[in-house]
Amino acid sequence: MAQRARGRSAVHRVLVARSAPRIKGRKKKLRYEDITVIDRSLLKRAVGAAALGNAMEWFDFGVYAYIADTIAEVFFPPTISPGVRLIGTFGAFTAAFLMRPLGGLVFGPLGDRIGRQKVLAVTMIMMAIGTLSIGLIPSYSSIGVWSPILLVVARMVQGFSTGGEYGGATTFIAEYSPDKRRGFMGSWLEFGTLSGYVLGASVVTGMKAWVPHETLLDWGWRVPFLVAGPLGIIGLYMRLKLEETPAFQKHAEESEKRGRSGEPFWKMFTDYWPALLICVGLVLVFNVTDYMLLSYMPTYLSEQLHLDATHGLLLIIVVMVVMMLIILVGGRITDHVGRKPVMMAGCLGFFVLSWPLMLLVHDGGLVLTFLGLMGLGLLLLCFEVSMPAALPALFPTAIRYGALSIAFNISVSLFGGTTPLVMQALISSTGHDFWPAWYMMAAGAVGAVAVYFSRETANKPLWGSGPAVATEEEARELVRESKG
């Protein structure tokens, strides 16, 4: 009986405590020193440095997805069929995701112990090294089977570093943001995602349009990967210039006073498992739909629908540009209406509309195909604008980086990153072209359950922190309200 009571209290603590700061704010008088006033210049630098890392990560994804057919020819023997070569290419893509949970397991808890800024600097340089290495690997015709093996190794280095990247970047921005602007600031992270992807996709599309295929196979495909070196140096410089987040600094000071370095690692799983499960469900729907549209659709359009490669690539680039124009407005909307309504709209939208939208993509002409892709992009936008603010708020400061990194990367590795490989394998083995629609519908259903059990966190302090505001006047107003 006592065990059951303890279990109930743990679940109750995880699912209810996120609303506790607001309740306590009404009951307990706030002092000015209880409130963090965010320095605007530091906030801008923090958002810029975090977004650049995400842009670099997705620059690589954009290049890899858009040049997958060329990579298949370069790294795999010409004696096997194009379909099998593509499966091998997406298999190498998926290999990175096998390392992401390990990277999250290492970098996440490390970021909770030594700080977010130091770990994010390490992940930035590792990402750059992994991407640069791909551009230096000799082709299959030069070194045989070692070529795909080295490709997989480079992708695993990328995956290991990326395991600490997204959880750290979202944590960094969330802990630097005022409570009332966390959605807007978080949306800059996904703006970086789309910017990097559009840049990578545009570079590849331009090369495919103007560079002869033989030149592309010979050395042209290497150029986008070699760009990662200079980008990595710039990103590392920006991150080394950052200060640690106010929330982590306060947590470190309090831990030092108590003589404790932080929460024991195992408590993450025993005390906070409901939040971990919710995070896995939210990340599942976010990343299955994300990788479906941004990573797999270029191949689907050219290989399954036999759409001209340049036209197909341009369609998705236009979709992403439109998403970039809307995403910051969407972030502001989540600050006003909340994260849950926006996320639920996306989940239900994918469950109801994936089939008709894929019909437009599959059976329509160029215009209808674009409308189908645009519809999927707008649904995906529901997650792009809300997840960077919603996910860090699931966990308290002491375990935020570690818990988010572990849950995020387990979900991405099992479901999101495997999407291109699973889709290609299912379509190749069954001959049915509508697996993407069924897959997104299933993801929408799982995501809706996770959203239902989550708590609304918009305009509330992060779990374990006091209120964070943008100006001194806001801080004084909060103090006056608490006394009245």
Protein backbone atom coordinates (compact mmCIF):
# COMPACT_ATOMS: atom_id res chain seq x y z
CA MET A 1 0.00 0.00 0.00
CA ALA A 2 2.84 2.38 0.91
CA GLN A 3 4.57 1.64 -2.41
CA ARG A 4 1.39 2.43 -4.33
CA ALA A 5 1.00 5.70 -2.44
CA ARG A 6 4.58 6.69 -3.26
CA GLY A 7 3.98 5.86 -6.94
CA ARG A 8 0.87 8.01 -7.03
CA SER A 9 2.69 10.91 -5.40
CA ALA A 10 5.50 10.70 -7.96
CA VAL A 11 3.08 10.78 -10.89
CA HIS A 12 1.11 13.57 -9.25
CA ARG A 13 4.30 15.54 -8.63
CA VAL A 14 5.44 15.27 -12.26
CA LEU A 15 2.12 16.01 -13.92
CA VAL A 16 0.89 18.71 -11.56
CA ALA A 17 3.99 20.50 -10.31
CA ARG A 18 4.44 22.42 -13.55
CA SER A 19 1.53 24.61 -12.58
CA ALA A 20 2.88 25.03 -9.05
CA PRO A 21 4.96 28.19 -9.62
CA ARG A 22 1.86 30.10 -10.67
CA ILE A 23 -0.19 28.88 -7.71
CA LYS A 24 2.63 29.69 -5.32
CA GLY A 25 2.97 33.10 -6.92
CA ARG A 26 -0.57 33.96 -5.78
CA LYS A 27 -0.11 32.63 -2.27
CA LYS A 28 3.43 33.74 -1.50
CA LYS A 29 4.63 37.30 -1.69
CA LEU A 30 7.33 37.75 -4.28
CA ARG A 31 10.48 39.70 -3.59
CA TYR A 32 12.27 41.56 -6.34
CA GLU A 33 15.28 39.23 -6.00
CA ASP A 34 13.00 36.23 -6.68
CA ILE A 35 12.47 37.49 -10.24
CA THR A 36 15.00 37.22 -13.09
CA VAL A 37 15.15 40.21 -15.44
CA ILE A 38 16.55 38.92 -18.73
CA ASP A 39 19.30 40.98 -20.35
CA ARG A 40 18.11 41.66 -23.90
CA SER A 41 21.56 41.64 -25.50
CA LEU A 42 22.48 38.34 -23.83
CA LEU A 43 19.15 36.87 -24.93
CA LYS A 44 19.80 37.81 -28.57
CA ARG A 45 23.28 36.30 -28.49
CA ALA A 46 22.00 33.13 -26.83
CA VAL A 47 19.22 32.67 -29.38
CA GLY A 48 21.57 33.39 -32.29
CA ALA A 49 24.23 30.93 -31.14
CA ALA A 50 21.71 28.17 -30.42
CA ALA A 51 19.89 28.70 -33.72
CA LEU A 52 23.15 28.61 -35.69
CA GLY A 53 23.97 25.17 -34.28
CA ASN A 54 20.56 23.88 -35.26
CA ALA A 55 20.96 25.46 -38.70
CA MET A 56 24.27 23.68 -39.17
CA GLU A 57 22.77 20.33 -38.14
CA TRP A 58 19.92 20.70 -40.61
CA PHE A 59 22.16 22.06 -43.34
CA ASP A 60 23.74 18.61 -43.27
CA PHE A 61 20.32 16.90 -43.28
CA GLY A 62 19.20 19.05 -46.21
CA VAL A 63 22.32 18.27 -48.21
CA TYR A 64 22.18 14.55 -47.41
CA ALA A 65 18.45 14.20 -48.22
CA TYR A 66 18.63 16.17 -51.46
CA ILE A 67 21.79 14.51 -52.73
CA ALA A 68 20.90 11.00 -51.52
CA ASP A 69 20.66 9.63 -55.06
CA THR A 70 24.17 10.89 -55.84
CA ILE A 71 25.58 9.56 -52.55
CA ALA A 72 24.06 6.18 -53.45
CA GLU A 73 26.08 6.13 -56.66
CA VAL A 74 29.30 7.34 -55.04
CA PHE A 75 29.40 5.12 -51.95
CA PHE A 76 27.80 1.87 -53.11
CA PRO A 77 28.72 -0.61 -55.89
CA PRO A 78 27.10 -0.13 -59.31
CA THR A 79 26.30 -3.86 -59.46
CA ILE A 80 23.29 -3.51 -57.08
CA SER A 81 19.97 -1.96 -58.04
CA PRO A 82 19.25 1.77 -57.50
CA GLY A 83 16.56 0.90 -54.93
CA VAL A 84 18.98 -1.15 -52.84
CA ARG A 85 21.62 1.57 -53.10
CA LEU A 86 19.09 4.08 -51.80
CA ILE A 87 18.23 1.79 -48.89
CA GLY A 88 21.96 1.62 -48.10
CA THR A 89 22.20 5.42 -48.28
CA PHE A 90 19.28 5.87 -45.90
CA GLY A 91 20.75 3.13 -43.74
CA ALA A 92 23.85 5.29 -43.30
CA PHE A 93 21.55 8.22 -42.57
CA THR A 94 19.83 6.13 -39.91
CA ALA A 95 23.15 5.03 -38.37
CA ALA A 96 23.56 8.51 -36.91
CA PHE A 97 20.34 8.06 -34.99
CA LEU A 98 21.61 4.90 -33.34
CA MET A 99 24.26 7.07 -31.67
CA ARG A 100 21.96 9.90 -30.65
CA PRO A 101 20.65 8.26 -27.43
CA LEU A 102 24.25 7.59 -26.39
CA GLY A 103 25.15 11.21 -27.11
CA GLY A 104 22.13 12.37 -25.13
CA LEU A 105 23.06 10.05 -22.28
CA VAL A 106 26.57 11.54 -22.15
CA PHE A 107 26.04 15.22 -22.99
CA GLY A 108 22.64 15.75 -21.32
CA PRO A 109 23.57 14.86 -17.71
CA LEU A 110 26.96 16.52 -18.29
CA GLY A 111 25.16 19.74 -19.20
CA ASP A 112 23.20 19.52 -15.94
CA ARG A 113 26.46 19.18 -13.99
CA ILE A 114 28.97 21.53 -15.64
CA GLY A 115 26.66 23.87 -17.53
CA ARG A 116 24.82 24.21 -20.82
CA GLN A 117 27.28 26.56 -22.54
CA LYS A 118 30.36 24.33 -22.24
CA VAL A 119 28.60 21.24 -23.59
CA LEU A 120 27.03 23.14 -26.49
CA ALA A 121 30.50 24.34 -27.54
CA VAL A 122 31.73 20.71 -27.65
CA THR A 123 28.72 19.47 -29.66
CA MET A 124 29.21 22.28 -32.19
CA ILE A 125 32.80 21.33 -33.03
CA MET A 126 31.96 17.60 -33.17
CA MET A 127 29.10 18.25 -35.58
CA ALA A 128 31.41 20.24 -37.84
CA ILE A 129 34.07 17.50 -37.81
CA GLY A 130 31.53 14.79 -38.67
CA THR A 131 30.03 16.71 -41.58
CA LEU A 132 33.42 17.82 -42.93
CA SER A 133 34.63 14.20 -42.82
CA ILE A 134 31.88 13.04 -45.18
CA GLY A 135 33.16 15.44 -47.82
CA LEU A 136 36.66 13.93 -47.56
CA ILE A 137 35.78 10.21 -47.86
CA PRO A 138 37.01 8.53 -51.09
CA SER A 139 34.40 6.93 -53.35
CA TYR A 140 33.56 3.21 -53.64
CA SER A 141 35.47 3.04 -56.91
CA SER A 142 38.62 4.19 -55.04
CA ILE A 143 38.61 2.20 -51.79
CA GLY A 144 35.77 -0.28 -52.18
CA VAL A 145 33.75 -1.34 -49.16
CA TRP A 146 35.69 1.02 -46.88
CA SER A 147 33.83 3.90 -48.52
CA PRO A 148 30.35 3.09 -47.08
CA ILE A 149 31.98 1.99 -43.80
CA LEU A 150 33.66 5.39 -43.37
CA LEU A 151 30.40 7.09 -44.32
CA VAL A 152 28.64 5.27 -41.49
CA VAL A 153 31.43 6.17 -39.04
CA ALA A 154 31.21 9.87 -39.97
CA ARG A 155 27.43 9.77 -39.59
CA MET A 156 27.84 8.15 -36.15
CA VAL A 157 30.13 11.00 -35.04
CA GLN A 158 27.45 13.42 -36.19
CA GLY A 159 24.77 11.45 -34.36
CA PHE A 160 26.75 11.33 -31.12
CA SER A 161 27.26 15.10 -31.10
CA THR A 162 23.68 15.83 -32.18
CA GLY A 163 22.51 13.78 -29.19
CA GLY A 164 23.47 16.74 -27.01
CA GLU A 165 22.58 19.49 -29.45
CA TYR A 166 18.80 19.90 -29.63
CA GLY A 167 18.12 19.24 -25.94
CA GLY A 168 20.85 21.72 -25.01
CA ALA A 169 19.76 24.36 -27.52
CA THR A 170 16.10 24.27 -26.46
CA THR A 171 17.12 24.30 -22.79
CA PHE A 172 19.48 27.22 -23.38
CA ILE A 173 16.88 29.36 -25.15
CA ALA A 174 14.07 28.44 -22.72
CA GLU A 175 16.19 29.34 -19.68
CA TYR A 176 17.22 32.64 -21.24
CA SER A 177 13.69 33.68 -22.29
CA PRO A 178 11.12 35.75 -20.42
CA ASP A 179 8.10 33.65 -19.45
CA LYS A 180 5.76 35.62 -21.71
CA ARG A 181 8.02 35.33 -24.79
CA ARG A 182 9.33 31.76 -24.55
CA GLY A 183 7.28 30.56 -27.52
CA PHE A 184 8.51 33.37 -29.76
CA MET A 185 12.14 32.93 -28.71
CA GLY A 186 11.94 29.15 -29.10
CA SER A 187 10.57 29.52 -32.61
CA TRP A 188 13.89 31.11 -33.62
CA LEU A 189 15.49 27.70 -33.04
CA GLU A 190 13.24 26.12 -35.65
CA PHE A 191 13.74 29.15 -37.88
CA GLY A 192 17.40 28.11 -37.76
CA THR A 193 16.39 24.56 -38.62
CA LEU A 194 14.50 25.67 -41.72
CA SER A 195 17.23 28.17 -42.68
CA GLY A 196 19.91 25.50 -42.57
CA TYR A 197 17.74 23.05 -44.46
CA VAL A 198 16.79 25.59 -47.13
CA LEU A 199 20.44 26.59 -47.55
CA GLY A 200 21.58 22.97 -47.89
CA ALA A 201 18.73 22.05 -50.21
CA SER A 202 19.24 25.17 -52.34
CA VAL A 203 22.96 24.48 -52.75
CA VAL A 204 22.27 20.91 -53.89
CA THR A 205 19.39 21.95 -56.17
CA GLY A 206 21.56 24.60 -57.82
CA MET A 207 24.37 22.12 -58.32
CA LYS A 208 22.03 19.53 -59.81
CA ALA A 209 20.61 22.12 -62.19
CA TRP A 210 23.91 23.60 -63.42
CA VAL A 211 26.69 21.11 -62.70
CA PRO A 212 27.02 18.16 -65.12
CA HIS A 213 26.13 14.83 -63.54
CA GLU A 214 29.61 13.44 -64.13
CA THR A 215 31.18 16.42 -62.34
CA LEU A 216 28.71 16.03 -59.48
CA LEU A 217 29.69 12.38 -59.09
CA ASP A 218 33.39 13.12 -59.40
CA TRP A 219 33.82 15.95 -56.86
CA GLY A 220 30.83 18.31 -56.90
CA TRP A 221 28.88 16.42 -54.21
CA ARG A 222 31.71 17.10 -51.72
CA VAL A 223 31.39 20.89 -51.76
CA PRO A 224 28.30 21.26 -49.50
CA PHE A 225 29.83 19.00 -46.84
CA LEU A 226 33.14 20.91 -46.86
CA VAL A 227 31.26 24.12 -46.05
CA ALA A 228 30.70 22.69 -42.54
CA GLY A 229 34.27 23.57 -41.52
CA PRO A 230 33.95 27.37 -41.67
CA LEU A 231 30.40 27.23 -40.28
CA GLY A 232 31.60 25.17 -37.33
CA ILE A 233 34.36 27.68 -36.50
CA ILE A 234 31.87 30.57 -36.55
CA GLY A 235 29.40 28.66 -34.39
CA LEU A 236 32.07 27.62 -31.90
CA TYR A 237 33.25 31.23 -31.55
CA MET A 238 29.70 32.43 -30.87
CA ARG A 239 29.05 29.76 -28.26
CA LEU A 240 32.33 30.31 -26.43
CA LYS A 241 31.35 33.98 -26.01
CA LEU A 242 28.06 33.12 -24.27
CA GLU A 243 27.37 33.30 -20.54
CA GLU A 244 25.67 30.47 -18.67
CA THR A 245 21.85 30.67 -18.39
CA PRO A 246 20.39 32.53 -15.37
CA ALA A 247 18.38 29.46 -14.33
CA PHE A 248 21.45 27.20 -14.29
CA GLN A 249 23.57 29.79 -12.48
CA LYS A 250 20.95 30.07 -9.73
CA HIS A 251 20.59 26.29 -9.53
CA ALA A 252 24.39 25.88 -9.28
CA GLU A 253 24.59 28.47 -6.49
CA GLU A 254 21.81 26.77 -4.52
CA SER A 255 23.40 23.35 -5.03
CA GLU A 256 26.72 24.67 -3.77
CA LYS A 257 25.06 26.07 -0.64
CA ARG A 258 23.42 22.70 0.02
CA GLY A 259 26.66 20.88 -0.69
CA ARG A 260 25.06 18.86 -3.52
CA SER A 261 26.05 18.74 -7.18
CA GLY A 262 22.55 17.90 -8.40
CA GLU A 263 19.88 15.23 -8.58
CA PRO A 264 21.06 11.59 -8.69
CA PHE A 265 20.91 10.30 -12.26
CA TRP A 266 18.53 7.43 -11.46
CA LYS A 267 15.89 9.81 -10.05
CA MET A 268 15.26 10.97 -13.60
CA PHE A 269 13.66 7.60 -14.34
CA THR A 270 12.07 6.84 -10.98
CA ASP A 271 10.54 10.23 -10.18
CA TYR A 272 10.00 11.79 -13.59
CA TRP A 273 9.07 8.87 -15.84
CA PRO A 274 5.59 10.26 -16.73
CA ALA A 275 7.21 13.43 -18.10
CA LEU A 276 9.76 11.31 -20.00
CA LEU A 277 6.95 9.32 -21.63
CA ILE A 278 5.06 12.48 -22.57
CA CYS A 279 8.25 13.89 -24.09
CA VAL A 280 8.81 10.72 -26.14
CA GLY A 281 5.24 10.93 -27.49
CA LEU A 282 5.49 14.60 -28.39
CA VAL A 283 8.86 14.14 -30.07
CA LEU A 284 7.54 11.12 -32.01
CA VAL A 285 4.83 13.07 -33.83
CA PHE A 286 7.12 16.09 -34.28
CA ASN A 287 9.99 14.15 -35.83
CA VAL A 288 8.14 11.51 -37.86
CA THR A 289 6.31 14.30 -39.69
CA ASP A 290 9.43 16.47 -39.84
CA TYR A 291 11.69 13.81 -41.38
CA MET A 292 8.87 12.64 -43.62
CA LEU A 293 8.43 16.03 -45.23
CA LEU A 294 11.96 17.43 -45.13
CA SER A 295 14.13 14.32 -45.50
CA TYR A 296 12.10 11.69 -47.33
CA MET A 297 9.80 13.65 -49.64
CA PRO A 298 12.59 14.72 -52.06
CA THR A 299 13.37 11.04 -52.69
CA TYR A 300 9.67 10.07 -52.76
CA LEU A 301 8.90 12.68 -55.43
CA SER A 302 11.74 11.63 -57.70
CA GLU A 303 11.87 7.86 -57.15
CA GLN A 304 8.21 6.95 -56.61
CA LEU A 305 6.37 9.65 -58.53
CA HIS A 306 9.12 10.15 -61.14
CA LEU A 307 8.84 13.91 -60.83
CA ASP A 308 11.71 15.83 -62.37
CA ALA A 309 14.33 16.04 -59.60
CA THR A 310 14.83 19.80 -59.87
CA HIS A 311 11.09 20.55 -59.81
CA GLY A 312 10.54 18.28 -56.80
CA LEU A 313 13.38 19.87 -54.86
CA LEU A 314 12.20 23.37 -55.67
CA LEU A 315 8.65 22.59 -54.49
CA ILE A 316 9.85 21.59 -51.03
CA ILE A 317 12.22 24.54 -50.82
CA VAL A 318 9.28 26.89 -51.52
CA VAL A 319 7.25 25.11 -48.83
CA MET A 320 10.07 25.64 -46.32
CA VAL A 321 10.46 29.31 -47.27
CA VAL A 322 6.73 29.86 -46.64
CA MET A 323 7.10 28.09 -43.29
CA MET A 324 10.01 30.41 -42.41
CA LEU A 325 7.82 33.45 -43.14
CA ILE A 326 5.16 32.20 -40.73
CA ILE A 327 7.12 30.50 -37.96
CA LEU A 328 7.95 33.54 -35.82
CA VAL A 329 4.33 34.70 -35.90
CA GLY A 330 3.33 31.19 -34.88
CA GLY A 331 5.70 31.35 -31.91
CA ARG A 332 4.01 34.56 -30.72
CA ILE A 333 0.61 32.91 -31.11
CA THR A 334 1.61 30.08 -28.76
CA ASP A 335 2.55 32.69 -26.15
CA HIS A 336 -1.03 34.00 -26.31
CA VAL A 337 -3.22 30.91 -26.82
CA GLY A 338 -0.91 28.29 -25.27
CA ARG A 339 1.16 25.40 -26.60
CA LYS A 340 -1.41 22.63 -26.10
CA PRO A 341 -4.11 23.93 -28.50
CA VAL A 342 -1.53 24.44 -31.26
CA MET A 343 0.08 21.02 -30.76
CA MET A 344 -3.29 19.28 -30.61
CA ALA A 345 -4.36 21.01 -33.84
CA GLY A 346 -1.25 19.61 -35.53
CA CYS A 347 -1.83 16.07 -34.22
CA LEU A 348 -5.49 15.97 -35.25
CA GLY A 349 -4.61 17.60 -38.56
CA PHE A 350 -2.11 14.86 -39.43
CA PHE A 351 -4.55 12.15 -38.35
CA VAL A 352 -7.41 13.52 -40.47
CA LEU A 353 -5.62 15.17 -43.40
CA SER A 354 -2.55 13.04 -44.13
CA TRP A 355 -4.45 10.79 -46.55
CA PRO A 356 -6.12 13.55 -48.64
CA LEU A 357 -2.94 15.63 -48.69
CA MET A 358 -0.89 12.64 -49.88
CA LEU A 359 -3.54 12.03 -52.57
CA LEU A 360 -2.82 15.54 -53.86
CA VAL A 361 0.91 14.86 -53.76
CA HIS A 362 0.57 11.48 -55.45
CA ASP A 363 -2.12 12.02 -58.10
CA GLY A 364 -2.10 15.75 -58.77
CA GLY A 365 -0.12 17.79 -61.24
CA LEU A 366 2.63 20.17 -60.22
CA VAL A 367 0.20 22.67 -58.63
CA LEU A 368 -1.78 20.05 -56.66
CA THR A 369 1.43 18.36 -55.55
CA PHE A 370 2.63 21.69 -54.20
CA LEU A 371 -0.68 22.25 -52.38
CA GLY A 372 -0.41 18.81 -50.79
CA LEU A 373 3.15 19.48 -49.64
CA MET A 374 2.17 22.94 -48.40
CA GLY A 375 -0.66 21.45 -46.36
CA LEU A 376 1.77 19.02 -44.71
CA GLY A 377 4.17 21.90 -44.09
CA LEU A 378 1.50 24.00 -42.36
CA LEU A 379 0.57 21.07 -40.11
CA LEU A 380 4.24 20.52 -39.28
CA LEU A 381 4.45 24.20 -38.39
CA CYS A 382 2.13 23.54 -35.41
CA PHE A 383 5.01 21.61 -33.84
CA GLU A 384 7.82 23.83 -35.08
CA VAL A 385 6.35 26.85 -33.25
CA SER A 386 5.43 25.11 -29.99
CA MET A 387 7.86 22.25 -29.24
CA PRO A 388 11.00 24.32 -28.45
CA ALA A 389 9.08 26.01 -25.62
CA ALA A 390 6.93 23.04 -24.55
CA LEU A 391 9.62 20.35 -24.23
CA PRO A 392 12.05 22.08 -21.80
CA ALA A 393 9.11 23.01 -19.56
CA LEU A 394 8.40 19.31 -18.94
CA PHE A 395 11.39 19.01 -16.55
CA PRO A 396 12.90 20.88 -13.58
CA THR A 397 16.17 22.78 -13.89
CA ALA A 398 18.28 20.14 -12.13
CA ILE A 399 17.61 17.46 -14.79
CA ARG A 400 16.25 19.49 -17.72
CA TYR A 401 19.14 19.08 -20.16
CA GLY A 402 19.68 15.39 -19.38
CA ALA A 403 16.04 14.30 -19.29
CA LEU A 404 15.13 16.20 -22.44
CA SER A 405 18.20 14.95 -24.34
CA ILE A 406 17.60 11.31 -23.38
CA ALA A 407 13.85 11.27 -24.08
CA PHE A 408 14.21 13.33 -27.26
CA ASN A 409 16.94 11.18 -28.77
CA ILE A 410 15.36 7.84 -27.87
CA SER A 411 12.20 8.95 -29.66
CA VAL A 412 14.06 10.39 -32.66
CA SER A 413 16.24 7.30 -32.99
CA LEU A 414 13.37 4.82 -32.84
CA PHE A 415 10.80 6.72 -34.87
CA GLY A 416 11.91 10.01 -36.47
CA GLY A 417 15.33 9.30 -37.94
CA THR A 418 14.29 5.87 -39.18
CA THR A 419 11.41 7.34 -41.21
CA PRO A 420 13.22 7.60 -44.59
CA LEU A 421 14.66 4.08 -44.29
CA VAL A 422 11.36 2.53 -43.14
CA MET A 423 9.38 4.29 -45.87
CA GLN A 424 11.78 3.24 -48.62
CA ALA A 425 11.86 -0.35 -47.35
CA LEU A 426 8.05 -0.61 -47.02
CA ILE A 427 7.37 0.89 -50.44
CA SER A 428 10.05 -1.24 -52.11
CA SER A 429 8.79 -4.46 -50.52
CA THR A 430 5.02 -3.89 -50.89
CA GLY A 431 4.75 -1.69 -53.97
CA HIS A 432 2.25 0.61 -52.18
CA ASP A 433 2.98 4.32 -52.37
CA PHE A 434 0.73 5.51 -49.52
CA TRP A 435 2.80 4.33 -46.56
CA PRO A 436 3.76 7.95 -45.77
CA ALA A 437 0.09 8.85 -45.19
CA TRP A 438 -0.53 5.86 -42.90
CA TYR A 439 2.68 6.53 -40.98
CA MET A 440 1.81 10.19 -40.37
CA MET A 441 -1.72 9.27 -39.29
CA ALA A 442 -0.33 6.86 -36.69
CA ALA A 443 2.12 9.51 -35.47
CA GLY A 444 -0.71 12.03 -35.15
CA ALA A 445 -2.72 9.61 -33.01
CA VAL A 446 0.22 8.96 -30.66
CA GLY A 447 0.99 12.67 -30.45
CA ALA A 448 -2.61 13.54 -29.55
CA VAL A 449 -2.45 11.18 -26.55
CA ALA A 450 0.81 12.80 -25.38
CA VAL A 451 -0.61 16.32 -25.77
CA TYR A 452 -3.74 15.32 -23.83
CA PHE A 453 -1.68 14.21 -20.83
CA SER A 454 0.67 17.21 -20.93
CA ARG A 455 0.18 20.43 -18.98
CA GLU A 456 -0.11 23.93 -20.37
CA THR A 457 3.09 25.86 -19.62
CA ALA A 458 2.71 29.09 -21.61
CA ASN A 459 3.35 32.28 -19.59
CA LYS A 460 4.42 30.27 -16.53
CA PRO A 461 7.88 30.08 -14.95
CA LEU A 462 9.96 27.06 -15.86
CA TRP A 463 9.72 24.21 -13.38
CA GLY A 464 12.21 24.86 -10.59
CA SER A 465 12.70 28.56 -11.42
CA GLY A 466 11.15 31.82 -10.35
CA PRO A 467 9.46 34.23 -12.78
CA ALA A 468 11.55 35.56 -15.69
CA VAL A 469 10.62 38.93 -17.22
CA ALA A 470 11.88 41.22 -19.95
CA THR A 471 12.01 44.55 -18.05
CA GLU A 472 12.49 46.01 -14.59
CA GLU A 473 8.96 47.41 -14.74
CA GLU A 474 7.50 43.93 -15.31
CA ALA A 475 9.40 42.70 -12.25
CA ARG A 476 8.06 45.52 -10.07
CA GLU A 477 4.55 44.86 -11.35
CA LEU A 478 4.79 41.19 -10.38
CA VAL A 479 5.94 42.15 -6.89
CA ARG A 480 3.02 44.59 -6.53
CA GLU A 481 0.54 41.97 -7.74
CA SER A 482 1.82 39.37 -5.28
CA LYS A 483 1.37 41.79 -2.39
CA GLY A 484 -2.11 42.84 -3.48
